[in-house]
Amino acid sequence: MEEPKQVTRHGQLVWETPAMDILRKEHCMCLHCKHLTRISGKTCEIAEYFYTMCKQHGNAFIMTRCDTWEGIE
């Protein structure tokens, strides 16, 4: 495993593994789903739940399985 580095993300000091952050942006289903608020204008309650937790704790998740995912055309 690549050694985690301490960085500031969104004004919060967190530990991250840089290689995984690159993979997250490329492979997270939420970031490529038309139900994401910034794309559809509606709130996906699954994405909203994870966003709330991530914002509170400085986490970043990679969503790899979802029953409501729809790709962006």
PDB file of N, CA and C in Angstrom:
ATOM      1  N   MET A   1       0.841  -1.186   0.000  1.00  0.00           N
ATOM      2  CA  MET A   1       0.000   0.000   0.000  1.00  0.00           C
ATOM      3  C   MET A   1       0.880   1.241   0.000  1.00  0.00           C
ATOM      4  N   GLU A   2       0.484   2.193  -0.785  1.00  0.00           N
ATOM      5  CA  GLU A   2       1.172   3.481  -0.800  1.00  0.00           C
ATOM      6  C   GLU A   2       0.953   4.167   0.553  1.00  0.00           C
ATOM      7  N   GLU A   3       1.986   4.769   1.066  1.00  0.00           N
ATOM      8  CA  GLU A   3       1.916   5.446   2.359  1.00  0.00           C
ATOM      9  C   GLU A   3       0.949   6.639   2.273  1.00  0.00           C
ATOM     10  N   PRO A   4      -0.054   6.715   3.161  1.00  0.00           N
ATOM     11  CA  PRO A   4      -0.970   7.863   3.162  1.00  0.00           C
ATOM     12  C   PRO A   4      -0.223   9.159   3.458  1.00  0.00           C
ATOM     13  N   LYS A   5      -0.724  10.234   2.879  1.00  0.00           N
ATOM     14  CA  LYS A   5      -0.145  11.567   3.085  1.00  0.00           C
ATOM     15  C   LYS A   5      -1.204  12.459   3.706  1.00  0.00           C
ATOM     16  N   GLN A   6      -0.767  13.347   4.578  1.00  0.00           N
ATOM     17  CA  GLN A   6      -1.704  14.273   5.191  1.00  0.00           C
ATOM     18  C   GLN A   6      -1.829  15.498   4.280  1.00  0.00           C
ATOM     19  N   VAL A   7      -3.078  15.822   3.924  1.00  0.00           N
ATOM     20  CA  VAL A   7      -3.361  16.933   3.010  1.00  0.00           C
ATOM     21  C   VAL A   7      -4.583  17.689   3.517  1.00  0.00           C
ATOM     22  N   THR A   8      -4.787  18.870   2.975  1.00  0.00           N
ATOM     23  CA  THR A   8      -5.988  19.639   3.287  1.00  0.00           C
ATOM     24  C   THR A   8      -6.951  19.507   2.113  1.00  0.00           C
ATOM     25  N   ARG A   9      -8.146  19.036   2.406  1.00  0.00           N
ATOM     26  CA  ARG A   9      -9.206  18.898   1.410  1.00  0.00           C
ATOM     27  C   ARG A   9     -10.439  19.609   1.939  1.00  0.00           C
ATOM     28  N   HIS A  10     -10.943  20.573   1.178  1.00  0.00           N
ATOM     29  CA  HIS A  10     -12.155  21.317   1.556  1.00  0.00           C
ATOM     30  C   HIS A  10     -12.021  21.929   2.943  1.00  0.00           C
ATOM     31  N   GLY A  11     -10.821  22.445   3.230  1.00  0.00           N
ATOM     32  CA  GLY A  11     -10.573  23.120   4.495  1.00  0.00           C
ATOM     33  C   GLY A  11     -10.368  22.206   5.695  1.00  0.00           C
ATOM     34  N   GLN A  12     -10.226  20.910   5.447  1.00  0.00           N
ATOM     35  CA  GLN A  12     -10.073  19.945   6.543  1.00  0.00           C
ATOM     36  C   GLN A  12      -8.786  19.155   6.344  1.00  0.00           C
ATOM     37  N   LEU A  13      -8.017  18.983   7.413  1.00  0.00           N
ATOM     38  CA  LEU A  13      -6.788  18.197   7.360  1.00  0.00           C
ATOM     39  C   LEU A  13      -7.147  16.720   7.431  1.00  0.00           C
ATOM     40  N   VAL A  14      -6.785  15.953   6.409  1.00  0.00           N
ATOM     41  CA  VAL A  14      -7.131  14.525   6.317  1.00  0.00           C
ATOM     42  C   VAL A  14      -5.939  13.727   5.824  1.00  0.00           C
ATOM     43  N   TRP A  15      -6.010  12.406   5.997  1.00  0.00           N
ATOM     44  CA  TRP A  15      -5.024  11.493   5.428  1.00  0.00           C
ATOM     45  C   TRP A  15      -5.610  10.918   4.147  1.00  0.00           C
ATOM     46  N   GLU A  16      -4.796  10.813   3.098  1.00  0.00           N
ATOM     47  CA  GLU A  16      -5.280  10.211   1.865  1.00  0.00           C
ATOM     48  C   GLU A  16      -4.167   9.425   1.179  1.00  0.00           C
ATOM     49  N   THR A  17      -4.579   8.454   0.399  1.00  0.00           N
ATOM     50  CA  THR A  17      -3.649   7.734  -0.463  1.00  0.00           C
ATOM     51  C   THR A  17      -3.852   8.301  -1.868  1.00  0.00           C
ATOM     52  N   PRO A  18      -2.878   9.064  -2.375  1.00  0.00           N
ATOM     53  CA  PRO A  18      -3.033   9.763  -3.647  1.00  0.00           C
ATOM     54  C   PRO A  18      -3.456   8.872  -4.818  1.00  0.00           C
ATOM     55  N   ALA A  19      -2.917   7.669  -4.913  1.00  0.00           N
ATOM     56  CA  ALA A  19      -3.281   6.789  -6.033  1.00  0.00           C
ATOM     57  C   ALA A  19      -4.764   6.438  -5.993  1.00  0.00           C
ATOM     58  N   MET A  20      -5.310   6.220  -4.806  1.00  0.00           N
ATOM     59  CA  MET A  20      -6.719   5.879  -4.685  1.00  0.00           C
ATOM     60  C   MET A  20      -7.610   7.078  -4.985  1.00  0.00           C
ATOM     61  N   ASP A  21      -7.145   8.277  -4.699  1.00  0.00           N
ATOM     62  CA  ASP A  21      -7.935   9.464  -5.006  1.00  0.00           C
ATOM     63  C   ASP A  21      -8.105   9.607  -6.515  1.00  0.00           C
ATOM     64  N   ILE A  22      -7.063   9.289  -7.259  1.00  0.00           N
ATOM     65  CA  ILE A  22      -7.150   9.317  -8.723  1.00  0.00           C
ATOM     66  C   ILE A  22      -8.145   8.266  -9.205  1.00  0.00           C
ATOM     67  N   LEU A  23      -8.069   7.054  -8.660  1.00  0.00           N
ATOM     68  CA  LEU A  23      -9.012   5.988  -9.032  1.00  0.00           C
ATOM     69  C   LEU A  23     -10.442   6.357  -8.664  1.00  0.00           C
ATOM     70  N   ARG A  24     -10.634   6.968  -7.521  1.00  0.00           N
ATOM     71  CA  ARG A  24     -11.974   7.360  -7.074  1.00  0.00           C
ATOM     72  C   ARG A  24     -12.628   8.287  -8.085  1.00  0.00           C
ATOM     73  N   LYS A  25     -11.905   9.278  -8.529  1.00  0.00           N
ATOM     74  CA  LYS A  25     -12.461  10.238  -9.486  1.00  0.00           C
ATOM     75  C   LYS A  25     -12.814   9.583 -10.811  1.00  0.00           C
ATOM     76  N   GLU A  26     -12.077   8.562 -11.184  1.00  0.00           N
ATOM     77  CA  GLU A  26     -12.314   7.878 -12.450  1.00  0.00           C
ATOM     78  C   GLU A  26     -13.406   6.811 -12.349  1.00  0.00           C
ATOM     79  N   HIS A  27     -13.496   6.110 -11.217  1.00  0.00           N
ATOM     80  CA  HIS A  27     -14.348   4.926 -11.130  1.00  0.00           C
ATOM     81  C   HIS A  27     -15.579   5.046 -10.229  1.00  0.00           C
ATOM     82  N   CYS A  28     -15.694   6.078  -9.433  1.00  0.00           N
ATOM     83  CA  CYS A  28     -16.854   6.193  -8.550  1.00  0.00           C
ATOM     84  C   CYS A  28     -18.126   6.358  -9.382  1.00  0.00           C
ATOM     85  N   MET A  29     -19.069   5.446  -9.195  1.00  0.00           N
ATOM     86  CA  MET A  29     -20.301   5.468  -9.970  1.00  0.00           C
ATOM     87  C   MET A  29     -21.102   6.750  -9.732  1.00  0.00           C
ATOM     88  N   CYS A  30     -21.095   7.279  -8.522  1.00  0.00           N
ATOM     89  CA  CYS A  30     -21.843   8.506  -8.232  1.00  0.00           C
ATOM     90  C   CYS A  30     -21.377   9.669  -9.115  1.00  0.00           C
ATOM     91  N   LEU A  31     -20.084   9.757  -9.326  1.00  0.00           N
ATOM     92  CA  LEU A  31     -19.538  10.866 -10.108  1.00  0.00           C
ATOM     93  C   LEU A  31     -19.869  10.757 -11.590  1.00  0.00           C
ATOM     94  N   HIS A  32     -20.392   9.611 -12.006  1.00  0.00           N
ATOM     95  CA  HIS A  32     -20.722   9.381 -13.409  1.00  0.00           C
ATOM     96  C   HIS A  32     -22.187   8.979 -13.570  1.00  0.00           C
ATOM     97  N   CYS A  33     -23.034   9.432 -12.651  1.00  0.00           N
ATOM     98  CA  CYS A  33     -24.452   9.071 -12.646  1.00  0.00           C
ATOM     99  C   CYS A  33     -25.310  10.311 -12.903  1.00  0.00           C
ATOM    100  N   LYS A  34     -26.315  10.158 -13.741  1.00  0.00           N
ATOM    101  CA  LYS A  34     -27.154  11.312 -14.038  1.00  0.00           C
ATOM    102  C   LYS A  34     -28.067  11.696 -12.875  1.00  0.00           C
ATOM    103  N   HIS A  35     -28.144  10.870 -11.828  1.00  0.00           N
ATOM    104  CA  HIS A  35     -28.950  11.213 -10.655  1.00  0.00           C
ATOM    105  C   HIS A  35     -28.208  12.112  -9.674  1.00  0.00           C
ATOM    106  N   LEU A  36     -26.933  12.339  -9.916  1.00  0.00           N
ATOM    107  CA  LEU A  36     -26.166  13.223  -9.039  1.00  0.00           C
ATOM    108  C   LEU A  36     -26.740  14.637  -9.142  1.00  0.00           C
ATOM    109  N   THR A  37     -26.906  15.309  -8.025  1.00  0.00           N
ATOM    110  CA  THR A  37     -27.572  16.612  -7.960  1.00  0.00           C
ATOM    111  C   THR A  37     -27.021  17.622  -8.964  1.00  0.00           C
ATOM    112  N   ARG A  38     -25.718  17.703  -9.097  1.00  0.00           N
ATOM    113  CA  ARG A  38     -25.141  18.721  -9.979  1.00  0.00           C
ATOM    114  C   ARG A  38     -25.456  18.457 -11.444  1.00  0.00           C
ATOM    115  N   ILE A  39     -25.886  17.261 -11.783  1.00  0.00           N
ATOM    116  CA  ILE A  39     -26.219  16.922 -13.160  1.00  0.00           C
ATOM    117  C   ILE A  39     -27.733  16.968 -13.381  1.00  0.00           C
ATOM    118  N   SER A  40     -28.495  16.344 -12.483  1.00  0.00           N
ATOM    119  CA  SER A  40     -29.935  16.208 -12.676  1.00  0.00           C
ATOM    120  C   SER A  40     -30.750  17.332 -12.043  1.00  0.00           C
ATOM    121  N   GLY A  41     -30.171  18.031 -11.071  1.00  0.00           N
ATOM    122  CA  GLY A  41     -30.916  19.045 -10.337  1.00  0.00           C
ATOM    123  C   GLY A  41     -31.765  18.444  -9.223  1.00  0.00           C
ATOM    124  N   LYS A  42     -31.803  17.118  -9.113  1.00  0.00           N
ATOM    125  CA  LYS A  42     -32.540  16.422  -8.055  1.00  0.00           C
ATOM    126  C   LYS A  42     -31.531  15.857  -7.062  1.00  0.00           C
ATOM    127  N   THR A  43     -32.016  15.502  -5.898  1.00  0.00           N
ATOM    128  CA  THR A  43     -31.138  14.915  -4.892  1.00  0.00           C
ATOM    129  C   THR A  43     -31.257  13.398  -4.907  1.00  0.00           C
ATOM    130  N   CYS A  44     -30.150  12.716  -5.123  1.00  0.00           N
ATOM    131  CA  CYS A  44     -30.092  11.265  -4.981  1.00  0.00           C
ATOM    132  C   CYS A  44     -29.868  11.002  -3.493  1.00  0.00           C
ATOM    133  N   GLU A  45     -30.805  10.321  -2.850  1.00  0.00           N
ATOM    134  CA  GLU A  45     -30.670  10.154  -1.400  1.00  0.00           C
ATOM    135  C   GLU A  45     -29.470   9.302  -1.016  1.00  0.00           C
ATOM    136  N   ILE A  46     -29.026   8.405  -1.889  1.00  0.00           N
ATOM    137  CA  ILE A  46     -27.833   7.605  -1.599  1.00  0.00           C
ATOM    138  C   ILE A  46     -26.591   8.498  -1.619  1.00  0.00           C
ATOM    139  N   ALA A  47     -26.450   9.282  -2.691  1.00  0.00           N
ATOM    140  CA  ALA A  47     -25.309  10.196  -2.801  1.00  0.00           C
ATOM    141  C   ALA A  47     -25.336  11.234  -1.683  1.00  0.00           C
ATOM    142  N   GLU A  48     -26.521  11.717  -1.339  1.00  0.00           N
ATOM    143  CA  GLU A  48     -26.655  12.715  -0.273  1.00  0.00           C
ATOM    144  C   GLU A  48     -26.193  12.152   1.073  1.00  0.00           C
ATOM    145  N   TYR A  49     -26.546  10.896   1.356  1.00  0.00           N
ATOM    146  CA  TYR A  49     -26.130  10.238   2.597  1.00  0.00           C
ATOM    147  C   TYR A  49     -24.602  10.161   2.671  1.00  0.00           C
ATOM    148  N   PHE A  50     -23.976   9.683   1.593  1.00  0.00           N
ATOM    149  CA  PHE A  50     -22.522   9.569   1.583  1.00  0.00           C
ATOM    150  C   PHE A  50     -21.860  10.944   1.630  1.00  0.00           C
ATOM    151  N   TYR A  51     -22.411  11.927   0.919  1.00  0.00           N
ATOM    152  CA  TYR A  51     -21.851  13.274   0.917  1.00  0.00           C
ATOM    153  C   TYR A  51     -21.853  13.860   2.330  1.00  0.00           C
ATOM    154  N   THR A  52     -22.972  13.681   3.047  1.00  0.00           N
ATOM    155  CA  THR A  52     -23.077  14.203   4.418  1.00  0.00           C
ATOM    156  C   THR A  52     -22.013  13.593   5.313  1.00  0.00           C
ATOM    157  N   MET A  53     -21.843  12.284   5.233  1.00  0.00           N
ATOM    158  CA  MET A  53     -20.847  11.612   6.061  1.00  0.00           C
ATOM    159  C   MET A  53     -19.432  12.046   5.654  1.00  0.00           C
ATOM    160  N   CYS A  54     -19.187  12.117   4.350  1.00  0.00           N
ATOM    161  CA  CYS A  54     -17.852  12.509   3.872  1.00  0.00           C
ATOM    162  C   CYS A  54     -17.504  13.926   4.311  1.00  0.00           C
ATOM    163  N   LYS A  55     -18.471  14.824   4.205  1.00  0.00           N
ATOM    164  CA  LYS A  55     -18.223  16.215   4.586  1.00  0.00           C
ATOM    165  C   LYS A  55     -17.930  16.330   6.085  1.00  0.00           C
ATOM    166  N   GLN A  56     -18.650  15.569   6.894  1.00  0.00           N
ATOM    167  CA  GLN A  56     -18.471  15.623   8.349  1.00  0.00           C
ATOM    168  C   GLN A  56     -17.122  15.068   8.779  1.00  0.00           C
ATOM    169  N   HIS A  57     -16.677  13.994   8.138  1.00  0.00           N
ATOM    170  CA  HIS A  57     -15.471  13.297   8.588  1.00  0.00           C
ATOM    171  C   HIS A  57     -14.283  13.399   7.626  1.00  0.00           C
ATOM    172  N   GLY A  58     -14.464  14.076   6.494  1.00  0.00           N
ATOM    173  CA  GLY A  58     -13.371  14.203   5.534  1.00  0.00           C
ATOM    174  C   GLY A  58     -13.101  12.930   4.758  1.00  0.00           C
ATOM    175  N   ASN A  59     -14.105  12.041   4.681  1.00  0.00           N
ATOM    176  CA  ASN A  59     -13.941  10.785   3.948  1.00  0.00           C
ATOM    177  C   ASN A  59     -14.129  10.985   2.454  1.00  0.00           C
ATOM    178  N   ALA A  60     -13.692   9.997   1.695  1.00  0.00           N
ATOM    179  CA  ALA A  60     -13.968   9.925   0.263  1.00  0.00           C
ATOM    180  C   ALA A  60     -14.233   8.459  -0.063  1.00  0.00           C
ATOM    181  N   PHE A  61     -15.393   8.181  -0.629  1.00  0.00           N
ATOM    182  CA  PHE A  61     -15.778   6.815  -0.961  1.00  0.00           C
ATOM    183  C   PHE A  61     -15.740   6.583  -2.456  1.00  0.00           C
ATOM    184  N   ILE A  62     -15.574   5.332  -2.832  1.00  0.00           N
ATOM    185  CA  ILE A  62     -15.718   4.925  -4.227  1.00  0.00           C
ATOM    186  C   ILE A  62     -16.951   4.032  -4.282  1.00  0.00           C
ATOM    187  N   MET A  63     -18.032   4.529  -4.870  1.00  0.00           N
ATOM    188  CA  MET A  63     -19.255   3.735  -5.018  1.00  0.00           C
ATOM    189  C   MET A  63     -19.050   2.799  -6.205  1.00  0.00           C
ATOM    190  N   THR A  64     -19.151   1.498  -5.955  1.00  0.00           N
ATOM    191  CA  THR A  64     -18.926   0.518  -7.024  1.00  0.00           C
ATOM    192  C   THR A  64     -20.139  -0.376  -7.268  1.00  0.00           C
ATOM    193  N   ARG A  65     -21.226  -0.110  -6.545  1.00  0.00           N
ATOM    194  CA  ARG A  65     -22.429  -0.932  -6.706  1.00  0.00           C
ATOM    195  C   ARG A  65     -23.635  -0.091  -6.311  1.00  0.00           C
ATOM    196  N   CYS A  66     -24.669  -0.049  -7.172  1.00  0.00           N
ATOM    197  CA  CYS A  66     -25.846   0.767  -6.882  1.00  0.00           C
ATOM    198  C   CYS A  66     -27.039   0.269  -7.693  1.00  0.00           C
ATOM    199  N   ASP A  67     -28.222   0.242  -7.069  1.00  0.00           N
ATOM    200  CA  ASP A  67     -29.410  -0.237  -7.784  1.00  0.00           C
ATOM    201  C   ASP A  67     -30.146   0.847  -8.558  1.00  0.00           C
ATOM    202  N   THR A  68     -29.714   2.110  -8.435  1.00  0.00           N
ATOM    203  CA  THR A  68     -30.397   3.187  -9.146  1.00  0.00           C
ATOM    204  C   THR A  68     -29.515   3.930 -10.137  1.00  0.00           C
ATOM    205  N   TRP A  69     -28.306   3.470 -10.366  1.00  0.00           N
ATOM    206  CA  TRP A  69     -27.350   4.155 -11.242  1.00  0.00           C
ATOM    207  C   TRP A  69     -27.839   4.238 -12.678  1.00  0.00           C
ATOM    208  N   GLU A  70     -27.663   5.406 -13.269  1.00  0.00           N
ATOM    209  CA  GLU A  70     -27.902   5.615 -14.697  1.00  0.00           C
ATOM    210  C   GLU A  70     -26.749   6.451 -15.238  1.00  0.00           C
ATOM    211  N   GLY A  71     -26.105   5.943 -16.254  1.00  0.00           N
ATOM    212  CA  GLY A  71     -24.962   6.652 -16.819  1.00  0.00           C
ATOM    213  C   GLY A  71     -25.331   7.960 -17.477  1.00  0.00           C
ATOM    214  N   ILE A  72     -24.377   8.847 -17.520  1.00  0.00           N
ATOM    215  CA  ILE A  72     -24.547  10.137 -18.175  1.00  0.00           C
ATOM    216  C   ILE A  72     -24.402   9.926 -19.675  1.00  0.00           C
ATOM    217  N   GLU A  73     -25.353  10.450 -20.409  1.00  0.00           N
ATOM    218  CA  GLU A  73     -25.305  10.274 -21.871  1.00  0.00           C
ATOM    219  C   GLU A  73     -24.406  11.279 -22.526  1.00  0.00           C
TER     220      GLU A  73
END
